[in-house]
Amino acid sequence: MNIKLIDSLAHIIKSLTLEEQMLLEEKIKTEINENVRLKSSEVLASSANNNDLEEWTNKLQKWSERHPRNIPMLSDYSVSRSGIYEED
C-alpha cells in the first residue's frame, strides 16, 4: 500500500471546492458502477462461452457453501440508517 500516495490524494481532495468534491464523487461512482457492470458482463460472458449456465450456478453454489454459516448476523439497528449514521 502506498501511504504517501493516499496522504497526497487526501490532501488534494481536501483542497477542492465543494462543487469539485461533488463532481469527483459523481465521477468515482460512475467508475465503480462501470467496473461492476464490466465484471458482471465478464461473468455472464464466461458462462455463455461455456454454454452451460447450470455449471456456473453449481460452481457459485459450491463457492458459497465454503463460507462459515455460524457468523453472527447484524442486528436490525446495526444495518439501519440511524445505526450507520450519527444523527445530530
PDB file of N, CA and C in Angstrom:
ATOM      1  N   MET A   1       0.845  -1.169   0.000  1.00  0.00           N
ATOM      2  CA  MET A   1       0.000   0.000   0.000  1.00  0.00           C
ATOM      3  C   MET A   1       0.895   1.239   0.000  1.00  0.00           C
ATOM      4  N   ASN A   2       0.545   2.195  -0.810  1.00  0.00           N
ATOM      5  CA  ASN A   2       1.328   3.412  -0.933  1.00  0.00           C
ATOM      6  C   ASN A   2       0.699   4.504  -0.056  1.00  0.00           C
ATOM      7  N   ILE A   3       1.156   4.592   1.178  1.00  0.00           N
ATOM      8  CA  ILE A   3       0.578   5.522   2.147  1.00  0.00           C
ATOM      9  C   ILE A   3       0.825   6.971   1.738  1.00  0.00           C
ATOM     10  N   LYS A   4       2.005   7.260   1.188  1.00  0.00           N
ATOM     11  CA  LYS A   4       2.287   8.637   0.753  1.00  0.00           C
ATOM     12  C   LYS A   4       1.306   9.068  -0.336  1.00  0.00           C
ATOM     13  N   LEU A   5       0.998   8.168  -1.253  1.00  0.00           N
ATOM     14  CA  LEU A   5       0.046   8.487  -2.312  1.00  0.00           C
ATOM     15  C   LEU A   5      -1.334   8.761  -1.731  1.00  0.00           C
ATOM     16  N   ILE A   6      -1.765   7.919  -0.797  1.00  0.00           N
ATOM     17  CA  ILE A   6      -3.065   8.100  -0.158  1.00  0.00           C
ATOM     18  C   ILE A   6      -3.116   9.436   0.570  1.00  0.00           C
ATOM     19  N   ASP A   7      -2.053   9.754   1.320  1.00  0.00           N
ATOM     20  CA  ASP A   7      -2.000  11.029   2.031  1.00  0.00           C
ATOM     21  C   ASP A   7      -2.055  12.207   1.058  1.00  0.00           C
ATOM     22  N   SER A   8      -1.335  12.097  -0.048  1.00  0.00           N
ATOM     23  CA  SER A   8      -1.340  13.169  -1.053  1.00  0.00           C
ATOM     24  C   SER A   8      -2.726  13.345  -1.662  1.00  0.00           C
ATOM     25  N   LEU A   9      -3.369  12.228  -1.974  1.00  0.00           N
ATOM     26  CA  LEU A   9      -4.718  12.306  -2.539  1.00  0.00           C
ATOM     27  C   LEU A   9      -5.693  12.922  -1.550  1.00  0.00           C
ATOM     28  N   ALA A  10      -5.589  12.538  -0.286  1.00  0.00           N
ATOM     29  CA  ALA A  10      -6.472  13.101   0.737  1.00  0.00           C
ATOM     30  C   ALA A  10      -6.252  14.607   0.849  1.00  0.00           C
ATOM     31  N   HIS A  11      -5.012  15.041   0.796  1.00  0.00           N
ATOM     32  CA  HIS A  11      -4.702  16.473   0.858  1.00  0.00           C
ATOM     33  C   HIS A  11      -5.299  17.209  -0.339  1.00  0.00           C
ATOM     34  N   ILE A  12      -5.160  16.624  -1.516  1.00  0.00           N
ATOM     35  CA  ILE A  12      -5.702  17.235  -2.730  1.00  0.00           C
ATOM     36  C   ILE A  12      -7.221  17.329  -2.647  1.00  0.00           C
ATOM     37  N   ILE A  13      -7.852  16.255  -2.210  1.00  0.00           N
ATOM     38  CA  ILE A  13      -9.319  16.239  -2.125  1.00  0.00           C
ATOM     39  C   ILE A  13      -9.800  17.295  -1.133  1.00  0.00           C
ATOM     40  N   LYS A  14      -9.105  17.446  -0.009  1.00  0.00           N
ATOM     41  CA  LYS A  14      -9.489  18.452   0.978  1.00  0.00           C
ATOM     42  C   LYS A  14      -9.369  19.863   0.416  1.00  0.00           C
ATOM     43  N   SER A  15      -8.464  20.059  -0.544  1.00  0.00           N
ATOM     44  CA  SER A  15      -8.258  21.396  -1.096  1.00  0.00           C
ATOM     45  C   SER A  15      -9.281  21.744  -2.186  1.00  0.00           C
ATOM     46  N   LEU A  16     -10.082  20.773  -2.615  1.00  0.00           N
ATOM     47  CA  LEU A  16     -11.086  21.033  -3.647  1.00  0.00           C
ATOM     48  C   LEU A  16     -12.251  21.825  -3.083  1.00  0.00           C
ATOM     49  N   THR A  17     -12.894  22.579  -3.960  1.00  0.00           N
ATOM     50  CA  THR A  17     -14.118  23.274  -3.551  1.00  0.00           C
ATOM     51  C   THR A  17     -15.216  22.230  -3.378  1.00  0.00           C
ATOM     52  N   LEU A  18     -16.306  22.632  -2.742  1.00  0.00           N
ATOM     53  CA  LEU A  18     -17.428  21.715  -2.542  1.00  0.00           C
ATOM     54  C   LEU A  18     -17.949  21.213  -3.894  1.00  0.00           C
ATOM     55  N   GLU A  19     -18.039  22.107  -4.858  1.00  0.00           N
ATOM     56  CA  GLU A  19     -18.524  21.721  -6.196  1.00  0.00           C
ATOM     57  C   GLU A  19     -17.581  20.696  -6.839  1.00  0.00           C
ATOM     58  N   GLU A  20     -16.283  20.919  -6.706  1.00  0.00           N
ATOM     59  CA  GLU A  20     -15.304  19.985  -7.264  1.00  0.00           C
ATOM     60  C   GLU A  20     -15.364  18.641  -6.553  1.00  0.00           C
ATOM     61  N   GLN A  21     -15.563  18.648  -5.225  1.00  0.00           N
ATOM     62  CA  GLN A  21     -15.679  17.405  -4.477  1.00  0.00           C
ATOM     63  C   GLN A  21     -16.903  16.617  -4.919  1.00  0.00           C
ATOM     64  N   MET A  22     -18.009  17.322  -5.154  1.00  0.00           N
ATOM     65  CA  MET A  22     -19.232  16.654  -5.613  1.00  0.00           C
ATOM     66  C   MET A  22     -19.022  16.061  -7.010  1.00  0.00           C
ATOM     67  N   LEU A  23     -18.333  16.790  -7.872  1.00  0.00           N
ATOM     68  CA  LEU A  23     -18.034  16.290  -9.216  1.00  0.00           C
ATOM     69  C   LEU A  23     -17.134  15.063  -9.142  1.00  0.00           C
ATOM     70  N   LEU A  24     -16.141  15.094  -8.265  1.00  0.00           N
ATOM     71  CA  LEU A  24     -15.248  13.950  -8.077  1.00  0.00           C
ATOM     72  C   LEU A  24     -16.016  12.749  -7.554  1.00  0.00           C
ATOM     73  N   GLU A  25     -16.898  12.974  -6.595  1.00  0.00           N
ATOM     74  CA  GLU A  25     -17.698  11.881  -6.038  1.00  0.00           C
ATOM     75  C   GLU A  25     -18.565  11.236  -7.124  1.00  0.00           C
ATOM     76  N   GLU A  26     -19.171  12.054  -7.959  1.00  0.00           N
ATOM     77  CA  GLU A  26     -20.001  11.530  -9.055  1.00  0.00           C
ATOM     78  C   GLU A  26     -19.150  10.726 -10.039  1.00  0.00           C
ATOM     79  N   LYS A  27     -17.959  11.230 -10.340  1.00  0.00           N
ATOM     80  CA  LYS A  27     -17.043  10.531 -11.248  1.00  0.00           C
ATOM     81  C   LYS A  27     -16.648   9.167 -10.678  1.00  0.00           C
ATOM     82  N   ILE A  28     -16.343   9.126  -9.389  1.00  0.00           N
ATOM     83  CA  ILE A  28     -15.954   7.869  -8.746  1.00  0.00           C
ATOM     84  C   ILE A  28     -17.108   6.881  -8.771  1.00  0.00           C
ATOM     85  N   LYS A  29     -18.318   7.346  -8.462  1.00  0.00           N
ATOM     86  CA  LYS A  29     -19.497   6.475  -8.506  1.00  0.00           C
ATOM     87  C   LYS A  29     -19.695   5.901  -9.905  1.00  0.00           C
ATOM     88  N   THR A  30     -19.524   6.746 -10.921  1.00  0.00           N
ATOM     89  CA  THR A  30     -19.676   6.291 -12.303  1.00  0.00           C
ATOM     90  C   THR A  30     -18.646   5.225 -12.640  1.00  0.00           C
ATOM     91  N   GLU A  31     -17.403   5.443 -12.215  1.00  0.00           N
ATOM     92  CA  GLU A  31     -16.340   4.473 -12.482  1.00  0.00           C
ATOM     93  C   GLU A  31     -16.618   3.152 -11.772  1.00  0.00           C
ATOM     94  N   ILE A  32     -17.067   3.215 -10.523  1.00  0.00           N
ATOM     95  CA  ILE A  32     -17.371   1.997  -9.772  1.00  0.00           C
ATOM     96  C   ILE A  32     -18.502   1.234 -10.448  1.00  0.00           C
ATOM     97  N   ASN A  33     -19.560   1.939 -10.821  1.00  0.00           N
ATOM     98  CA  ASN A  33     -20.686   1.290 -11.495  1.00  0.00           C
ATOM     99  C   ASN A  33     -20.253   0.651 -12.805  1.00  0.00           C
ATOM    100  N   GLU A  34     -19.379   1.321 -13.538  1.00  0.00           N
ATOM    101  CA  GLU A  34     -18.881   0.772 -14.798  1.00  0.00           C
ATOM    102  C   GLU A  34     -18.057  -0.490 -14.547  1.00  0.00           C
ATOM    103  N   ASN A  35     -17.218  -0.460 -13.504  1.00  0.00           N
ATOM    104  CA  ASN A  35     -16.419  -1.646 -13.171  1.00  0.00           C
ATOM    105  C   ASN A  35     -17.299  -2.820 -12.783  1.00  0.00           C
ATOM    106  N   VAL A  36     -18.335  -2.563 -11.987  1.00  0.00           N
ATOM    107  CA  VAL A  36     -19.264  -3.621 -11.585  1.00  0.00           C
ATOM    108  C   VAL A  36     -19.966  -4.183 -12.809  1.00  0.00           C
ATOM    109  N   ARG A  37     -20.410  -3.296 -13.706  1.00  0.00           N
ATOM    110  CA  ARG A  37     -21.095  -3.733 -14.927  1.00  0.00           C
ATOM    111  C   ARG A  37     -20.163  -4.590 -15.797  1.00  0.00           C
ATOM    112  N   LEU A  38     -18.909  -4.173 -15.924  1.00  0.00           N
ATOM    113  CA  LEU A  38     -17.958  -4.934 -16.730  1.00  0.00           C
ATOM    114  C   LEU A  38     -17.681  -6.301 -16.128  1.00  0.00           C
ATOM    115  N   LYS A  39     -17.513  -6.351 -14.811  1.00  0.00           N
ATOM    116  CA  LYS A  39     -17.256  -7.640 -14.159  1.00  0.00           C
ATOM    117  C   LYS A  39     -18.468  -8.561 -14.299  1.00  0.00           C
ATOM    118  N   SER A  40     -19.671  -8.008 -14.179  1.00  0.00           N
ATOM    119  CA  SER A  40     -20.883  -8.804 -14.362  1.00  0.00           C
ATOM    120  C   SER A  40     -20.947  -9.341 -15.780  1.00  0.00           C
ATOM    121  N   SER A  41     -20.590  -8.499 -16.732  1.00  0.00           N
ATOM    122  CA  SER A  41     -20.595  -8.925 -18.129  1.00  0.00           C
ATOM    123  C   SER A  41     -19.588 -10.035 -18.364  1.00  0.00           C
ATOM    124  N   GLU A  42     -18.421  -9.920 -17.706  1.00  0.00           N
ATOM    125  CA  GLU A  42     -17.396 -10.959 -17.852  1.00  0.00           C
ATOM    126  C   GLU A  42     -17.893 -12.288 -17.313  1.00  0.00           C
ATOM    127  N   VAL A  43     -18.558 -12.247 -16.170  1.00  0.00           N
ATOM    128  CA  VAL A  43     -19.082 -13.479 -15.577  1.00  0.00           C
ATOM    129  C   VAL A  43     -20.131 -14.086 -16.501  1.00  0.00           C
ATOM    130  N   LEU A  44     -21.039 -13.251 -16.998  1.00  0.00           N
ATOM    131  CA  LEU A  44     -22.079 -13.753 -17.887  1.00  0.00           C
ATOM    132  C   LEU A  44     -21.484 -14.272 -19.195  1.00  0.00           C
ATOM    133  N   ALA A  45     -20.502 -13.548 -19.717  1.00  0.00           N
ATOM    134  CA  ALA A  45     -19.856 -13.984 -20.954  1.00  0.00           C
ATOM    135  C   ALA A  45     -19.145 -15.311 -20.750  1.00  0.00           C
ATOM    136  N   SER A  46     -18.516 -15.454 -19.598  1.00  0.00           N
ATOM    137  CA  SER A  46     -17.823 -16.691 -19.283  1.00  0.00           C
ATOM    138  C   SER A  46     -18.794 -17.866 -19.258  1.00  0.00           C
ATOM    139  N   SER A  47     -19.937 -17.661 -18.612  1.00  0.00           N
ATOM    140  CA  SER A  47     -20.909 -18.753 -18.548  1.00  0.00           C
ATOM    141  C   SER A  47     -21.540 -18.988 -19.913  1.00  0.00           C
ATOM    142  N   ALA A  48     -21.706 -17.902 -20.696  1.00  0.00           N
ATOM    143  CA  ALA A  48     -22.271 -18.061 -22.038  1.00  0.00           C
ATOM    144  C   ALA A  48     -21.290 -18.794 -22.947  1.00  0.00           C
ATOM    145  N   ASN A  49     -19.992 -18.497 -22.778  1.00  0.00           N
ATOM    146  CA  ASN A  49     -18.980 -19.177 -23.578  1.00  0.00           C
ATOM    147  C   ASN A  49     -18.970 -20.667 -23.275  1.00  0.00           C
ATOM    148  N   ASN A  50     -19.153 -21.011 -22.025  1.00  0.00           N
ATOM    149  CA  ASN A  50     -19.228 -22.422 -21.654  1.00  0.00           C
ATOM    150  C   ASN A  50     -20.549 -23.025 -22.097  1.00  0.00           C
ATOM    151  N   ASN A  51     -21.477 -22.131 -22.395  1.00  0.00           N
ATOM    152  CA  ASN A  51     -22.806 -22.544 -22.847  1.00  0.00           C
ATOM    153  C   ASN A  51     -23.459 -23.482 -21.841  1.00  0.00           C
ATOM    154  N   ASP A  52     -23.154 -23.224 -20.565  1.00  0.00           N
ATOM    155  CA  ASP A  52     -23.724 -24.085 -19.546  1.00  0.00           C
ATOM    156  C   ASP A  52     -23.953 -23.276 -18.270  1.00  0.00           C
ATOM    157  N   LEU A  53     -25.077 -22.615 -18.203  1.00  0.00           N
ATOM    158  CA  LEU A  53     -25.413 -21.805 -17.051  1.00  0.00           C
ATOM    159  C   LEU A  53     -25.555 -22.658 -15.795  1.00  0.00           C
ATOM    160  N   GLU A  54     -25.995 -23.872 -15.951  1.00  0.00           N
ATOM    161  CA  GLU A  54     -26.149 -24.765 -14.802  1.00  0.00           C
ATOM    162  C   GLU A  54     -24.803 -25.046 -14.144  1.00  0.00           C
ATOM    163  N   GLU A  55     -23.766 -25.217 -14.944  1.00  0.00           N
ATOM    164  CA  GLU A  55     -22.426 -25.454 -14.408  1.00  0.00           C
ATOM    165  C   GLU A  55     -21.951 -24.246 -13.613  1.00  0.00           C
ATOM    166  N   TRP A  56     -22.180 -23.063 -14.155  1.00  0.00           N
ATOM    167  CA  TRP A  56     -21.792 -21.836 -13.470  1.00  0.00           C
ATOM    168  C   TRP A  56     -22.547 -21.711 -12.152  1.00  0.00           C
ATOM    169  N   THR A  57     -23.827 -22.014 -12.156  1.00  0.00           N
ATOM    170  CA  THR A  57     -24.650 -21.951 -10.955  1.00  0.00           C
ATOM    171  C   THR A  57     -24.145 -22.924  -9.900  1.00  0.00           C
ATOM    172  N   ASN A  58     -23.778 -24.115 -10.318  1.00  0.00           N
ATOM    173  CA  ASN A  58     -23.242 -25.115  -9.386  1.00  0.00           C
ATOM    174  C   ASN A  58     -21.929 -24.640  -8.760  1.00  0.00           C
ATOM    175  N   LYS A  59     -21.073 -24.025  -9.574  1.00  0.00           N
ATOM    176  CA  LYS A  59     -19.810 -23.510  -9.053  1.00  0.00           C
ATOM    177  C   LYS A  59     -20.058 -22.406  -8.033  1.00  0.00           C
ATOM    178  N   LEU A  60     -21.012 -21.537  -8.314  1.00  0.00           N
ATOM    179  CA  LEU A  60     -21.344 -20.473  -7.383  1.00  0.00           C
ATOM    180  C   LEU A  60     -21.888 -21.050  -6.077  1.00  0.00           C
ATOM    181  N   GLN A  61     -22.722 -22.050  -6.187  1.00  0.00           N
ATOM    182  CA  GLN A  61     -23.303 -22.701  -5.001  1.00  0.00           C
ATOM    183  C   GLN A  61     -22.193 -23.328  -4.160  1.00  0.00           C
ATOM    184  N   LYS A  62     -21.262 -24.043  -4.789  1.00  0.00           N
ATOM    185  CA  LYS A  62     -20.166 -24.672  -4.052  1.00  0.00           C
ATOM    186  C   LYS A  62     -19.288 -23.621  -3.380  1.00  0.00           C
ATOM    187  N   TRP A  63     -19.042 -22.510  -4.092  1.00  0.00           N
ATOM    188  CA  TRP A  63     -18.241 -21.439  -3.534  1.00  0.00           C
ATOM    189  C   TRP A  63     -18.923 -20.863  -2.292  1.00  0.00           C
ATOM    190  N   SER A  64     -20.218 -20.632  -2.364  1.00  0.00           N
ATOM    191  CA  SER A  64     -20.934 -20.041  -1.234  1.00  0.00           C
ATOM    192  C   SER A  64     -20.998 -21.004  -0.050  1.00  0.00           C
ATOM    193  N   GLU A  65     -21.012 -22.287  -0.304  1.00  0.00           N
ATOM    194  CA  GLU A  65     -21.076 -23.275   0.773  1.00  0.00           C
ATOM    195  C   GLU A  65     -19.761 -23.381   1.545  1.00  0.00           C
ATOM    196  N   ARG A  66     -18.665 -22.890   0.966  1.00  0.00           N
ATOM    197  CA  ARG A  66     -17.374 -22.931   1.650  1.00  0.00           C
ATOM    198  C   ARG A  66     -17.287 -21.926   2.791  1.00  0.00           C
ATOM    199  N   HIS A  67     -18.188 -20.967   2.819  1.00  0.00           N
ATOM    200  CA  HIS A  67     -18.141 -19.928   3.844  1.00  0.00           C
ATOM    201  C   HIS A  67     -18.849 -20.400   5.111  1.00  0.00           C
ATOM    202  N   PRO A  68     -18.316 -20.004   6.261  1.00  0.00           N
ATOM    203  CA  PRO A  68     -18.925 -20.440   7.521  1.00  0.00           C
ATOM    204  C   PRO A  68     -20.345 -19.903   7.682  1.00  0.00           C
ATOM    205  N   ARG A  69     -21.179 -20.731   8.262  1.00  0.00           N
ATOM    206  CA  ARG A  69     -22.574 -20.341   8.466  1.00  0.00           C
ATOM    207  C   ARG A  69     -22.833 -19.884   9.895  1.00  0.00           C
ATOM    208  N   ASN A  70     -21.837 -19.975  10.760  1.00  0.00           N
ATOM    209  CA  ASN A  70     -22.043 -19.633  12.158  1.00  0.00           C
ATOM    210  C   ASN A  70     -21.622 -18.204  12.485  1.00  0.00           C
ATOM    211  N   ILE A  71     -21.531 -17.358  11.474  1.00  0.00           N
ATOM    212  CA  ILE A  71     -21.181 -15.960  11.683  1.00  0.00           C
ATOM    213  C   ILE A  71     -22.418 -15.241  12.213  1.00  0.00           C
ATOM    214  N   PRO A  72     -22.267 -14.481  13.300  1.00  0.00           N
ATOM    215  CA  PRO A  72     -23.449 -13.802  13.851  1.00  0.00           C
ATOM    216  C   PRO A  72     -23.990 -12.759  12.878  1.00  0.00           C
ATOM    217  N   MET A  73     -25.294 -12.666  12.804  1.00  0.00           N
ATOM    218  CA  MET A  73     -25.945 -11.703  11.925  1.00  0.00           C
ATOM    219  C   MET A  73     -25.942 -10.337  12.611  1.00  0.00           C
ATOM    220  N   LEU A  74     -25.971  -9.283  11.823  1.00  0.00           N
ATOM    221  CA  LEU A  74     -26.071  -7.940  12.377  1.00  0.00           C
ATOM    222  C   LEU A  74     -27.498  -7.688  12.825  1.00  0.00           C
ATOM    223  N   SER A  75     -27.631  -6.885  13.866  1.00  0.00           N
ATOM    224  CA  SER A  75     -28.971  -6.547  14.349  1.00  0.00           C
ATOM    225  C   SER A  75     -29.643  -5.589  13.374  1.00  0.00           C
ATOM    226  N   ASP A  76     -30.951  -5.451  13.482  1.00  0.00           N
ATOM    227  CA  ASP A  76     -31.685  -4.513  12.639  1.00  0.00           C
ATOM    228  C   ASP A  76     -31.159  -3.098  12.839  1.00  0.00           C
ATOM    229  N   TYR A  77     -30.844  -2.761  14.089  1.00  0.00           N
ATOM    230  CA  TYR A  77     -30.315  -1.427  14.368  1.00  0.00           C
ATOM    231  C   TYR A  77     -28.969  -1.216  13.661  1.00  0.00           C
ATOM    232  N   SER A  78     -28.120  -2.227  13.641  1.00  0.00           N
ATOM    233  CA  SER A  78     -26.792  -2.098  13.043  1.00  0.00           C
ATOM    234  C   SER A  78     -26.859  -1.771  11.561  1.00  0.00           C
ATOM    235  N   VAL A  79     -27.860  -2.261  10.883  1.00  0.00           N
ATOM    236  CA  VAL A  79     -27.966  -2.002   9.439  1.00  0.00           C
ATOM    237  C   VAL A  79     -28.961  -0.901   9.121  1.00  0.00           C
ATOM    238  N   SER A  80     -29.537  -0.290  10.156  1.00  0.00           N
ATOM    239  CA  SER A  80     -30.479   0.799   9.923  1.00  0.00           C
ATOM    240  C   SER A  80     -29.716   2.098   9.693  1.00  0.00           C
ATOM    241  N   ARG A  81     -30.381   3.066   9.119  1.00  0.00           N
ATOM    242  CA  ARG A  81     -29.754   4.359   8.857  1.00  0.00           C
ATOM    243  C   ARG A  81     -29.235   4.986  10.152  1.00  0.00           C
ATOM    244  N   SER A  82     -30.046   4.944  11.218  1.00  0.00           N
ATOM    245  CA  SER A  82     -29.612   5.555  12.466  1.00  0.00           C
ATOM    246  C   SER A  82     -28.449   4.791  13.098  1.00  0.00           C
ATOM    247  N   GLY A  83     -28.312   3.521  12.793  1.00  0.00           N
ATOM    248  CA  GLY A  83     -27.190   2.757  13.305  1.00  0.00           C
ATOM    249  C   GLY A  83     -25.914   3.015  12.539  1.00  0.00           C
ATOM    250  N   ILE A  84     -26.046   3.446  11.297  1.00  0.00           N
ATOM    251  CA  ILE A  84     -24.885   3.698  10.446  1.00  0.00           C
ATOM    252  C   ILE A  84     -24.426   5.153  10.556  1.00  0.00           C
ATOM    253  N   TYR A  85     -25.388   6.075  10.517  1.00  0.00           N
ATOM    254  CA  TYR A  85     -25.080   7.495  10.540  1.00  0.00           C
ATOM    255  C   TYR A  85     -25.414   8.083  11.900  1.00  0.00           C
ATOM    256  N   GLU A  86     -24.540   8.925  12.390  1.00  0.00           N
ATOM    257  CA  GLU A  86     -24.814   9.616  13.639  1.00  0.00           C
ATOM    258  C   GLU A  86     -25.736  10.790  13.326  1.00  0.00           C
ATOM    259  N   GLU A  87     -26.862  10.812  13.972  1.00  0.00           N
ATOM    260  CA  GLU A  87     -27.805  11.904  13.779  1.00  0.00           C
ATOM    261  C   GLU A  87     -27.505  12.981  14.800  1.00  0.00           C
ATOM    262  N   ASP A  88     -27.351  14.213  14.326  1.00  0.00           N
ATOM    263  CA  ASP A  88     -27.083  15.345  15.248  1.00  0.00           C
ATOM    264  C   ASP A  88     -28.363  15.971  15.701  1.00  0.00           C
TER     265      ASP A  88
END
